Amino acid sequence: MTQAGQLQSVCPILPSTDFDRTVAFYAALGFDTGARYDDQGYLITERDGVELHFFKADTGPAKEHGAYVRVRNAQALSSEFAALDLAWDGNTRLMLAEDKPWGMCELAILDPDGNLIRFGQDSVGWHPPYEQA
C-alpha cells in the first residue's frame, strides 16, 4: 500500500519525428521548451506547470499515443486554440470543447506526429464516483 499523497504529477512521454516541428507546434499552443537534449533524443515542453515529454522517433506518424490534461476552463482553452491556424494537410487538428456524456467538458488536438492530446474539466455539478459531492 502506498502512502497517501505521494504522487505529485504525471508527464506523458510521446514520440516526435522532428523536434523543431514539435517545438513550433506546441509553442503556438503556449508551451515553452523546458529542456532539449538532441544528443539524447529527448525534449520537454511546459505550460502552466504541465509537462509534455517527447522522445526522438525515427519513423512516424505515431499511432495511438496521447495524453489527458485536466484544465480549469476547457471552453476558454478551446477558444484560445480556435484562434490559431491548426489546419494540417487538410485534416482538422482541433476538436472544440464540448460536454461529454461521461461528465467532462473536453477538447482535443492532434499534433503533427499523430499524438492526441485531450484537455478536460469536470462538467459543473458532476463528480466522479470516488469523489464526495
C-alpha atoms as a PDB file:
ATOM      1  CA  MET A   1       0.000   0.000   0.000  1.00  0.00           C
ATOM      2  CA  THR A   2       1.363   3.456  -0.867  1.00  0.00           C
ATOM      3  CA  GLN A   3       1.293   6.455   1.416  1.00  0.00           C
ATOM      4  CA  ALA A   4      -1.467   8.954   0.713  1.00  0.00           C
ATOM      5  CA  GLY A   5      -0.320  11.993  -1.229  1.00  0.00           C
ATOM      6  CA  GLN A   6       2.941  10.570  -2.592  1.00  0.00           C
ATOM      7  CA  LEU A   7       2.090  11.067  -6.260  1.00  0.00           C
ATOM      8  CA  GLN A   8       2.563  14.654  -7.447  1.00  0.00           C
ATOM      9  CA  SER A   9       2.227  14.725 -11.228  1.00  0.00           C
ATOM     10  CA  VAL A  10       2.430  12.686 -14.399  1.00  0.00           C
ATOM     11  CA  CYS A  11       4.271  13.571 -17.597  1.00  0.00           C
ATOM     12  CA  PRO A  12       3.376  11.633 -20.731  1.00  0.00           C
ATOM     13  CA  ILE A  13       6.291  10.659 -22.972  1.00  0.00           C
ATOM     14  CA  LEU A  14       5.281  10.938 -26.614  1.00  0.00           C
ATOM     15  CA  PRO A  15       7.088  10.309 -29.919  1.00  0.00           C
ATOM     16  CA  SER A  16       8.392  13.131 -32.126  1.00  0.00           C
ATOM     17  CA  THR A  17       9.935  12.640 -35.549  1.00  0.00           C
ATOM     18  CA  ASP A  18      11.089  16.277 -35.737  1.00  0.00           C
ATOM     19  CA  PHE A  19      11.894  18.243 -32.573  1.00  0.00           C
ATOM     20  CA  ASP A  20      11.892  21.610 -34.386  1.00  0.00           C
ATOM     21  CA  ARG A  21       8.369  20.973 -35.699  1.00  0.00           C
ATOM     22  CA  THR A  22       7.210  19.733 -32.275  1.00  0.00           C
ATOM     23  CA  VAL A  23       8.644  22.815 -30.532  1.00  0.00           C
ATOM     24  CA  ALA A  24       6.957  25.143 -33.055  1.00  0.00           C
ATOM     25  CA  PHE A  25       3.600  23.372 -32.803  1.00  0.00           C
ATOM     26  CA  TYR A  26       3.469  23.387 -29.012  1.00  0.00           C
ATOM     27  CA  ALA A  27       4.878  26.941 -28.812  1.00  0.00           C
ATOM     28  CA  ALA A  28       1.815  28.064 -30.784  1.00  0.00           C
ATOM     29  CA  LEU A  29      -0.290  26.427 -28.049  1.00  0.00           C
ATOM     30  CA  GLY A  30       1.584  28.396 -25.367  1.00  0.00           C
ATOM     31  CA  PHE A  31       4.078  25.712 -24.301  1.00  0.00           C
ATOM     32  CA  ASP A  32       7.678  26.688 -23.563  1.00  0.00           C
ATOM     33  CA  THR A  33      10.661  24.460 -24.235  1.00  0.00           C
ATOM     34  CA  GLY A  34      11.729  23.333 -20.774  1.00  0.00           C
ATOM     35  CA  ALA A  35      14.695  21.273 -21.937  1.00  0.00           C
ATOM     36  CA  ARG A  36      16.013  19.905 -25.178  1.00  0.00           C
ATOM     37  CA  TYR A  37      18.635  17.180 -25.463  1.00  0.00           C
ATOM     38  CA  ASP A  38      19.131  16.498 -29.169  1.00  0.00           C
ATOM     39  CA  ASP A  39      22.104  14.194 -28.499  1.00  0.00           C
ATOM     40  CA  GLN A  40      19.939  12.114 -26.133  1.00  0.00           C
ATOM     41  CA  GLY A  41      16.795  12.343 -28.254  1.00  0.00           C
ATOM     42  CA  TYR A  42      14.650  13.950 -25.553  1.00  0.00           C
ATOM     43  CA  LEU A  43      12.513  17.100 -25.394  1.00  0.00           C
ATOM     44  CA  ILE A  44      10.396  18.629 -22.610  1.00  0.00           C
ATOM     45  CA  THR A  45       7.706  21.262 -23.154  1.00  0.00           C
ATOM     46  CA  GLU A  46       5.827  23.035 -20.337  1.00  0.00           C
ATOM     47  CA  ARG A  47       2.796  25.208 -19.826  1.00  0.00           C
ATOM     48  CA  ASP A  48       1.120  26.160 -16.536  1.00  0.00           C
ATOM     49  CA  GLY A  49       3.108  23.528 -14.649  1.00  0.00           C
ATOM     50  CA  VAL A  50       2.103  20.712 -17.026  1.00  0.00           C
ATOM     51  CA  GLU A  51       4.938  18.977 -18.858  1.00  0.00           C
ATOM     52  CA  LEU A  52       4.754  17.024 -22.108  1.00  0.00           C
ATOM     53  CA  HIS A  53       7.875  14.958 -22.787  1.00  0.00           C
ATOM     54  CA  PHE A  54       8.932  13.699 -26.216  1.00  0.00           C
ATOM     55  CA  PHE A  55      11.397  11.080 -27.387  1.00  0.00           C
ATOM     56  CA  LYS A  56      13.026  11.110 -30.815  1.00  0.00           C
ATOM     57  CA  ALA A  57      11.227   8.643 -33.065  1.00  0.00           C
ATOM     58  CA  ASP A  58      12.889   7.607 -36.310  1.00  0.00           C
ATOM     59  CA  THR A  59       9.648   6.803 -38.082  1.00  0.00           C
ATOM     60  CA  GLY A  60       6.195   8.238 -37.917  1.00  0.00           C
ATOM     61  CA  PRO A  61       3.490   9.063 -37.674  1.00  0.00           C
ATOM     62  CA  ALA A  62       2.876   7.749 -34.195  1.00  0.00           C
ATOM     63  CA  LYS A  63      -0.104   5.514 -33.590  1.00  0.00           C
ATOM     64  CA  GLU A  64      -2.277   5.536 -30.505  1.00  0.00           C
ATOM     65  CA  HIS A  65      -0.121   7.813 -28.365  1.00  0.00           C
ATOM     66  CA  GLY A  66      -1.711  10.509 -26.309  1.00  0.00           C
ATOM     67  CA  ALA A  67      -2.275  12.257 -23.028  1.00  0.00           C
ATOM     68  CA  TYR A  68      -5.133  13.647 -20.980  1.00  0.00           C
ATOM     69  CA  VAL A  69      -4.592  17.040 -19.354  1.00  0.00           C
ATOM     70  CA  ARG A  70      -7.036  18.327 -16.753  1.00  0.00           C
ATOM     71  CA  VAL A  71      -7.707  22.058 -17.077  1.00  0.00           C
ATOM     72  CA  ARG A  72      -9.585  24.735 -15.152  1.00  0.00           C
ATOM     73  CA  ASN A  73     -11.642  26.064 -18.085  1.00  0.00           C
ATOM     74  CA  ALA A  74     -11.959  23.875 -21.179  1.00  0.00           C
ATOM     75  CA  GLN A  75     -14.167  26.380 -23.043  1.00  0.00           C
ATOM     76  CA  ALA A  76     -11.640  29.211 -22.583  1.00  0.00           C
ATOM     77  CA  LEU A  77      -8.763  26.991 -23.719  1.00  0.00           C
ATOM     78  CA  SER A  78     -10.824  25.838 -26.698  1.00  0.00           C
ATOM     79  CA  SER A  79     -11.436  29.473 -27.694  1.00  0.00           C
ATOM     80  CA  GLU A  80      -7.719  30.236 -27.320  1.00  0.00           C
ATOM     81  CA  PHE A  81      -6.721  27.298 -29.533  1.00  0.00           C
ATOM     82  CA  ALA A  82      -9.501  28.031 -32.072  1.00  0.00           C
ATOM     83  CA  ALA A  83      -7.911  31.436 -32.733  1.00  0.00           C
ATOM     84  CA  LEU A  84      -4.802  29.613 -34.049  1.00  0.00           C
ATOM     85  CA  ASP A  85      -4.409  28.147 -37.531  1.00  0.00           C
ATOM     86  CA  LEU A  86      -4.259  24.441 -36.710  1.00  0.00           C
ATOM     87  CA  ALA A  87      -5.130  23.039 -40.155  1.00  0.00           C
ATOM     88  CA  TRP A  88      -2.663  20.377 -41.277  1.00  0.00           C
ATOM     89  CA  ASP A  89      -2.681  18.518 -44.594  1.00  0.00           C
ATOM     90  CA  GLY A  90      -6.385  19.236 -44.924  1.00  0.00           C
ATOM     91  CA  ASN A  91      -7.168  17.458 -41.638  1.00  0.00           C
ATOM     92  CA  THR A  92      -8.604  19.119 -38.565  1.00  0.00           C
ATOM     93  CA  ARG A  93      -6.163  19.263 -35.675  1.00  0.00           C
ATOM     94  CA  LEU A  94      -8.538  20.787 -33.164  1.00  0.00           C
ATOM     95  CA  MET A  95     -11.738  19.317 -31.802  1.00  0.00           C
ATOM     96  CA  LEU A  96     -13.537  22.126 -29.981  1.00  0.00           C
ATOM     97  CA  ALA A  97     -14.706  21.778 -26.386  1.00  0.00           C
ATOM     98  CA  GLU A  98     -17.998  20.061 -25.753  1.00  0.00           C
ATOM     99  CA  ASP A  99     -19.750  18.414 -22.838  1.00  0.00           C
ATOM    100  CA  LYS A 100     -19.368  14.639 -22.935  1.00  0.00           C
ATOM    101  CA  PRO A 101     -21.825  12.073 -21.538  1.00  0.00           C
ATOM    102  CA  TRP A 102     -19.215  10.929 -19.004  1.00  0.00           C
ATOM    103  CA  GLY A 103     -19.344  14.253 -17.175  1.00  0.00           C
ATOM    104  CA  MET A 104     -16.389  16.071 -18.718  1.00  0.00           C
ATOM    105  CA  CYS A 105     -16.099  19.104 -20.971  1.00  0.00           C
ATOM    106  CA  GLU A 106     -13.303  18.186 -23.403  1.00  0.00           C
ATOM    107  CA  LEU A 107     -11.354  19.475 -26.370  1.00  0.00           C
ATOM    108  CA  ALA A 108      -8.549  17.743 -28.235  1.00  0.00           C
ATOM    109  CA  ILE A 109      -5.641  18.456 -30.547  1.00  0.00           C
ATOM    110  CA  LEU A 110      -3.788  16.149 -32.881  1.00  0.00           C
ATOM    111  CA  ASP A 111      -0.128  17.095 -33.268  1.00  0.00           C
ATOM    112  CA  PRO A 112       1.987  16.615 -36.425  1.00  0.00           C
ATOM    113  CA  ASP A 113       3.177  13.195 -35.198  1.00  0.00           C
ATOM    114  CA  GLY A 114      -0.350  11.934 -34.578  1.00  0.00           C
ATOM    115  CA  ASN A 115      -0.276  12.348 -30.794  1.00  0.00           C
ATOM    116  CA  LEU A 116      -3.771  13.001 -29.461  1.00  0.00           C
ATOM    117  CA  ILE A 117      -3.836  15.408 -26.508  1.00  0.00           C
ATOM    118  CA  ARG A 118      -7.194  15.773 -24.767  1.00  0.00           C
ATOM    119  CA  PHE A 119      -7.890  18.629 -22.372  1.00  0.00           C
ATOM    120  CA  GLY A 120     -10.809  18.340 -19.985  1.00  0.00           C
ATOM    121  CA  GLN A 121     -12.546  19.656 -16.920  1.00  0.00           C
ATOM    122  CA  ASP A 122     -15.306  18.198 -14.783  1.00  0.00           C
ATOM    123  CA  SER A 123     -18.684  19.403 -16.002  1.00  0.00           C
ATOM    124  CA  VAL A 124     -20.498  21.604 -13.496  1.00  0.00           C
ATOM    125  CA  GLY A 125     -22.259  19.547 -10.858  1.00  0.00           C
ATOM    126  CA  TRP A 126     -20.740  16.226 -11.913  1.00  0.00           C
ATOM    127  CA  HIS A 127     -18.423  14.311  -9.579  1.00  0.00           C
ATOM    128  CA  PRO A 128     -16.576  11.092 -10.324  1.00  0.00           C
ATOM    129  CA  PRO A 129     -17.714   8.077  -8.303  1.00  0.00           C
ATOM    130  CA  TYR A 130     -14.666   8.240  -5.997  1.00  0.00           C
ATOM    131  CA  GLU A 131     -15.287  11.862  -5.014  1.00  0.00           C
ATOM    132  CA  GLN A 132     -17.858  13.021  -2.486  1.00  0.00           C
ATOM    133  CA  ALA A 133     -20.162  15.796  -3.696  1.00  0.00           C
END
